[in-house]
């Protein structure tokens, strides 16, 4: 898996990130399906360790990733697809103001079954010259 991530990163089709909090690995965020040219879009997926969930870590990581995609990478659009029962991730995109665009039935094969997802997106124009991270309150300090 690490070899495949490195190859995709070298090709510019993926940006794998580790989320750290309190000096330890707390999760992962992947910017995948990176397309340049006329589309300039990507998809973001993430997870955070349950031991540190609920502290704004995923929200902050996603905000930083979107800012990076819109500035350094030069993308125009970021998409996030979330399972309807994943209340925590639905709160993350709500806090950041991503707009709901679609409901995908039987979208991804996860744990042996085709799972529905809700599609959210944001474009660089919606950030209006500021940043996603500026939309958030400060994280509490790690324990």
C-alpha atoms as a PDB file:
ATOM      1  CA  UNK A   1       0.000   0.000   0.000  1.00  0.00           C
ATOM      2  CA  UNK A   2       2.780   2.437   0.898  1.00  0.00           C
ATOM      3  CA  UNK A   3       4.476   1.723  -2.434  1.00  0.00           C
ATOM      4  CA  UNK A   4       1.252   2.487  -4.325  1.00  0.00           C
ATOM      5  CA  UNK A   5       0.756   5.734  -2.358  1.00  0.00           C
ATOM      6  CA  UNK A   6       4.315   6.840  -3.097  1.00  0.00           C
ATOM      7  CA  UNK A   7       3.931   6.090  -6.806  1.00  0.00           C
ATOM      8  CA  UNK A   8       0.635   8.010  -7.008  1.00  0.00           C
ATOM      9  CA  UNK A   9       2.204  10.915  -5.103  1.00  0.00           C
ATOM     10  CA  UNK A  10       5.168  11.008  -7.506  1.00  0.00           C
ATOM     11  CA  UNK A  11       2.740  10.976 -10.446  1.00  0.00           C
ATOM     12  CA  UNK A  12       0.826  13.897  -8.933  1.00  0.00           C
ATOM     13  CA  UNK A  13      -2.480  11.999  -8.787  1.00  0.00           C
ATOM     14  CA  UNK A  14      -2.541  11.708  -5.006  1.00  0.00           C
ATOM     15  CA  UNK A  15      -1.348  13.583  -1.930  1.00  0.00           C
ATOM     16  CA  UNK A  16      -1.181  11.303   1.136  1.00  0.00           C
ATOM     17  CA  UNK A  17      -0.996  13.028   4.532  1.00  0.00           C
ATOM     18  CA  UNK A  18      -0.614  11.789   8.101  1.00  0.00           C
ATOM     19  CA  UNK A  19      -2.644  13.631  10.727  1.00  0.00           C
ATOM     20  CA  UNK A  20      -0.709  14.130  13.948  1.00  0.00           C
ATOM     21  CA  UNK A  21      -1.989  15.413  17.274  1.00  0.00           C
ATOM     22  CA  UNK A  22      -0.174  15.563  20.584  1.00  0.00           C
ATOM     23  CA  UNK A  23       2.992  14.184  19.015  1.00  0.00           C
ATOM     24  CA  UNK A  24       1.408  10.979  17.726  1.00  0.00           C
ATOM     25  CA  UNK A  25      -0.317   9.713  14.594  1.00  0.00           C
ATOM     26  CA  UNK A  26      -4.014  10.504  14.952  1.00  0.00           C
ATOM     27  CA  UNK A  27      -5.282   9.724  11.447  1.00  0.00           C
ATOM     28  CA  UNK A  28      -4.792   9.991   7.726  1.00  0.00           C
ATOM     29  CA  UNK A  29      -6.038  12.263   4.956  1.00  0.00           C
ATOM     30  CA  UNK A  30      -5.652  11.452   1.268  1.00  0.00           C
ATOM     31  CA  UNK A  31      -6.192  13.830  -1.613  1.00  0.00           C
ATOM     32  CA  UNK A  32      -6.855  11.442  -4.493  1.00  0.00           C
ATOM     33  CA  UNK A  33      -8.086  11.457  -8.074  1.00  0.00           C
ATOM     34  CA  UNK A  34      -6.139  14.667  -8.635  1.00  0.00           C
ATOM     35  CA  UNK A  35      -6.875  15.916 -12.142  1.00  0.00           C
ATOM     36  CA  UNK A  36      -5.201  18.951 -13.681  1.00  0.00           C
ATOM     37  CA  UNK A  37      -6.017  20.555 -17.036  1.00  0.00           C
ATOM     38  CA  UNK A  38      -9.496  21.931 -17.549  1.00  0.00           C
ATOM     39  CA  UNK A  39     -11.048  20.102 -14.559  1.00  0.00           C
ATOM     40  CA  UNK A  40      -8.503  20.847 -11.765  1.00  0.00           C
ATOM     41  CA  UNK A  41     -10.331  18.737  -9.193  1.00  0.00           C
ATOM     42  CA  UNK A  42      -9.730  16.104  -6.508  1.00  0.00           C
ATOM     43  CA  UNK A  43     -11.449  13.924  -3.948  1.00  0.00           C
ATOM     44  CA  UNK A  44     -10.523  13.924  -0.257  1.00  0.00           C
ATOM     45  CA  UNK A  45     -10.936  11.068   2.199  1.00  0.00           C
ATOM     46  CA  UNK A  46      -9.877  10.960   5.837  1.00  0.00           C
ATOM     47  CA  UNK A  47     -10.117   9.139   9.147  1.00  0.00           C
ATOM     48  CA  UNK A  48      -9.215  10.047  12.728  1.00  0.00           C
ATOM     49  CA  UNK A  49      -8.495   7.738  15.661  1.00  0.00           C
ATOM     50  CA  UNK A  50     -11.579   7.380  17.883  1.00  0.00           C
ATOM     51  CA  UNK A  51      -9.408   8.202  20.920  1.00  0.00           C
ATOM     52  CA  UNK A  52      -9.053  11.819  19.725  1.00  0.00           C
ATOM     53  CA  UNK A  53     -12.314  12.215  17.789  1.00  0.00           C
ATOM     54  CA  UNK A  54     -14.582  15.144  18.535  1.00  0.00           C
ATOM     55  CA  UNK A  55     -11.791  17.677  19.011  1.00  0.00           C
ATOM     56  CA  UNK A  56     -11.932  19.322  15.584  1.00  0.00           C
ATOM     57  CA  UNK A  57      -8.898  17.437  14.305  1.00  0.00           C
ATOM     58  CA  UNK A  58     -10.542  16.080  11.134  1.00  0.00           C
ATOM     59  CA  UNK A  59     -12.145  19.451  10.456  1.00  0.00           C
ATOM     60  CA  UNK A  60      -8.801  21.225  10.796  1.00  0.00           C
ATOM     61  CA  UNK A  61      -7.013  18.633   8.646  1.00  0.00           C
ATOM     62  CA  UNK A  62      -9.630  18.942   5.904  1.00  0.00           C
ATOM     63  CA  UNK A  63      -9.493  22.749   6.015  1.00  0.00           C
ATOM     64  CA  UNK A  64      -5.698  22.690   5.682  1.00  0.00           C
ATOM     65  CA  UNK A  65      -5.878  20.176   2.814  1.00  0.00           C
ATOM     66  CA  UNK A  66      -8.450  22.252   0.915  1.00  0.00           C
ATOM     67  CA  UNK A  67      -6.335  25.387   1.385  1.00  0.00           C
ATOM     68  CA  UNK A  68      -3.295  23.489   0.086  1.00  0.00           C
ATOM     69  CA  UNK A  69      -5.228  22.179  -2.926  1.00  0.00           C
ATOM     70  CA  UNK A  70      -6.530  25.639  -3.847  1.00  0.00           C
ATOM     71  CA  UNK A  71      -3.208  27.437  -3.405  1.00  0.00           C
ATOM     72  CA  UNK A  72      -0.106  25.286  -3.805  1.00  0.00           C
ATOM     73  CA  UNK A  73      -1.621  22.598  -6.042  1.00  0.00           C
ATOM     74  CA  UNK A  74      -3.738  25.051  -8.060  1.00  0.00           C
ATOM     75  CA  UNK A  75      -6.972  23.071  -8.064  1.00  0.00           C
ATOM     76  CA  UNK A  76     -10.409  24.604  -8.586  1.00  0.00           C
ATOM     77  CA  UNK A  77     -12.683  22.050  -6.900  1.00  0.00           C
ATOM     78  CA  UNK A  78     -12.487  19.658  -3.944  1.00  0.00           C
ATOM     79  CA  UNK A  79     -14.984  16.858  -3.378  1.00  0.00           C
ATOM     80  CA  UNK A  80     -15.681  14.780  -0.257  1.00  0.00           C
ATOM     81  CA  UNK A  81     -17.926  11.690  -0.330  1.00  0.00           C
ATOM     82  CA  UNK A  82     -19.373  10.490   2.989  1.00  0.00           C
ATOM     83  CA  UNK A  83     -21.494   7.529   4.019  1.00  0.00           C
ATOM     84  CA  UNK A  84     -24.929   8.773   5.188  1.00  0.00           C
ATOM     85  CA  UNK A  85     -24.587   7.086   8.600  1.00  0.00           C
ATOM     86  CA  UNK A  86     -21.229   8.773   9.324  1.00  0.00           C
ATOM     87  CA  UNK A  87     -22.554  11.609  11.484  1.00  0.00           C
ATOM     88  CA  UNK A  88     -19.081  12.754  12.562  1.00  0.00           C
ATOM     89  CA  UNK A  89     -17.868  13.277   8.981  1.00  0.00           C
ATOM     90  CA  UNK A  90     -21.132  14.945   8.025  1.00  0.00           C
ATOM     91  CA  UNK A  91     -20.461  17.457  10.835  1.00  0.00           C
ATOM     92  CA  UNK A  92     -16.953  18.077   9.466  1.00  0.00           C
ATOM     93  CA  UNK A  93     -18.191  19.216   6.034  1.00  0.00           C
ATOM     94  CA  UNK A  94     -21.056  21.144   7.632  1.00  0.00           C
ATOM     95  CA  UNK A  95     -18.621  23.117   9.837  1.00  0.00           C
ATOM     96  CA  UNK A  96     -16.560  23.997   6.767  1.00  0.00           C
ATOM     97  CA  UNK A  97     -19.562  24.962   4.638  1.00  0.00           C
ATOM     98  CA  UNK A  98     -19.127  22.437   1.826  1.00  0.00           C
ATOM     99  CA  UNK A  99     -22.248  22.197  -0.294  1.00  0.00           C
ATOM    100  CA  UNK A 100     -24.179  18.962  -0.736  1.00  0.00           C
ATOM    101  CA  UNK A 101     -24.280  17.987  -4.400  1.00  0.00           C
ATOM    102  CA  UNK A 102     -25.353  14.389  -4.785  1.00  0.00           C
ATOM    103  CA  UNK A 103     -26.523  11.123  -3.316  1.00  0.00           C
ATOM    104  CA  UNK A 104     -24.637   8.169  -4.796  1.00  0.00           C
ATOM    105  CA  UNK A 105     -26.377   4.820  -4.400  1.00  0.00           C
ATOM    106  CA  UNK A 106     -24.122   1.766  -4.088  1.00  0.00           C
ATOM    107  CA  UNK A 107     -21.099   4.015  -4.715  1.00  0.00           C
ATOM    108  CA  UNK A 108     -18.117   2.230  -3.117  1.00  0.00           C
ATOM    109  CA  UNK A 109     -17.449  -1.411  -2.267  1.00  0.00           C
ATOM    110  CA  UNK A 110     -16.600  -1.250   1.452  1.00  0.00           C
ATOM    111  CA  UNK A 111     -16.385  -4.231   3.812  1.00  0.00           C
ATOM    112  CA  UNK A 112     -17.943  -6.546   1.247  1.00  0.00           C
ATOM    113  CA  UNK A 113     -20.916  -4.390   0.274  1.00  0.00           C
ATOM    114  CA  UNK A 114     -21.779  -1.491  -1.999  1.00  0.00           C
ATOM    115  CA  UNK A 115     -22.286   1.549   0.229  1.00  0.00           C
ATOM    116  CA  UNK A 116     -24.232   4.725  -0.498  1.00  0.00           C
ATOM    117  CA  UNK A 117     -22.459   8.075  -0.161  1.00  0.00           C
ATOM    118  CA  UNK A 118     -23.423  11.736  -0.063  1.00  0.00           C
ATOM    119  CA  UNK A 119     -21.273  13.981  -2.253  1.00  0.00           C
ATOM    120  CA  UNK A 120     -20.102  17.391  -1.030  1.00  0.00           C
ATOM    121  CA  UNK A 121     -17.930  19.934  -2.835  1.00  0.00           C
ATOM    122  CA  UNK A 122     -16.415  23.383  -2.667  1.00  0.00           C
ATOM    123  CA  UNK A 123     -14.748  25.533  -5.321  1.00  0.00           C
ATOM    124  CA  UNK A 124     -12.072  28.143  -4.957  1.00  0.00           C
ATOM    125  CA  UNK A 125     -14.636  30.914  -5.638  1.00  0.00           C
ATOM    126  CA  UNK A 126     -16.618  29.851  -2.561  1.00  0.00           C
ATOM    127  CA  UNK A 127     -13.623  30.528  -0.324  1.00  0.00           C
ATOM    128  CA  UNK A 128     -13.771  34.139  -1.552  1.00  0.00           C
ATOM    129  CA  UNK A 129     -10.104  35.023  -1.258  1.00  0.00           C
ATOM    130  CA  UNK A 130      -9.713  33.929   2.381  1.00  0.00           C
ATOM    131  CA  UNK A 131      -8.933  30.434   3.621  1.00  0.00           C
ATOM    132  CA  UNK A 132     -10.790  27.417   4.932  1.00  0.00           C
ATOM    133  CA  UNK A 133      -8.719  27.397   8.108  1.00  0.00           C
ATOM    134  CA  UNK A 134      -9.889  30.954   8.852  1.00  0.00           C
ATOM    135  CA  UNK A 135     -13.440  29.561   9.181  1.00  0.00           C
ATOM    136  CA  UNK A 136     -12.524  27.534  12.274  1.00  0.00           C
ATOM    137  CA  UNK A 137     -11.978  28.281  15.947  1.00  0.00           C
ATOM    138  CA  UNK A 138      -8.609  27.298  17.394  1.00  0.00           C
ATOM    139  CA  UNK A 139      -8.064  23.686  18.425  1.00  0.00           C
ATOM    140  CA  UNK A 140      -7.634  23.004  22.117  1.00  0.00           C
ATOM    141  CA  UNK A 141      -4.049  22.124  23.035  1.00  0.00           C
ATOM    142  CA  UNK A 142      -3.147  18.414  23.043  1.00  0.00           C
ATOM    143  CA  UNK A 143      -3.182  16.663  26.429  1.00  0.00           C
END
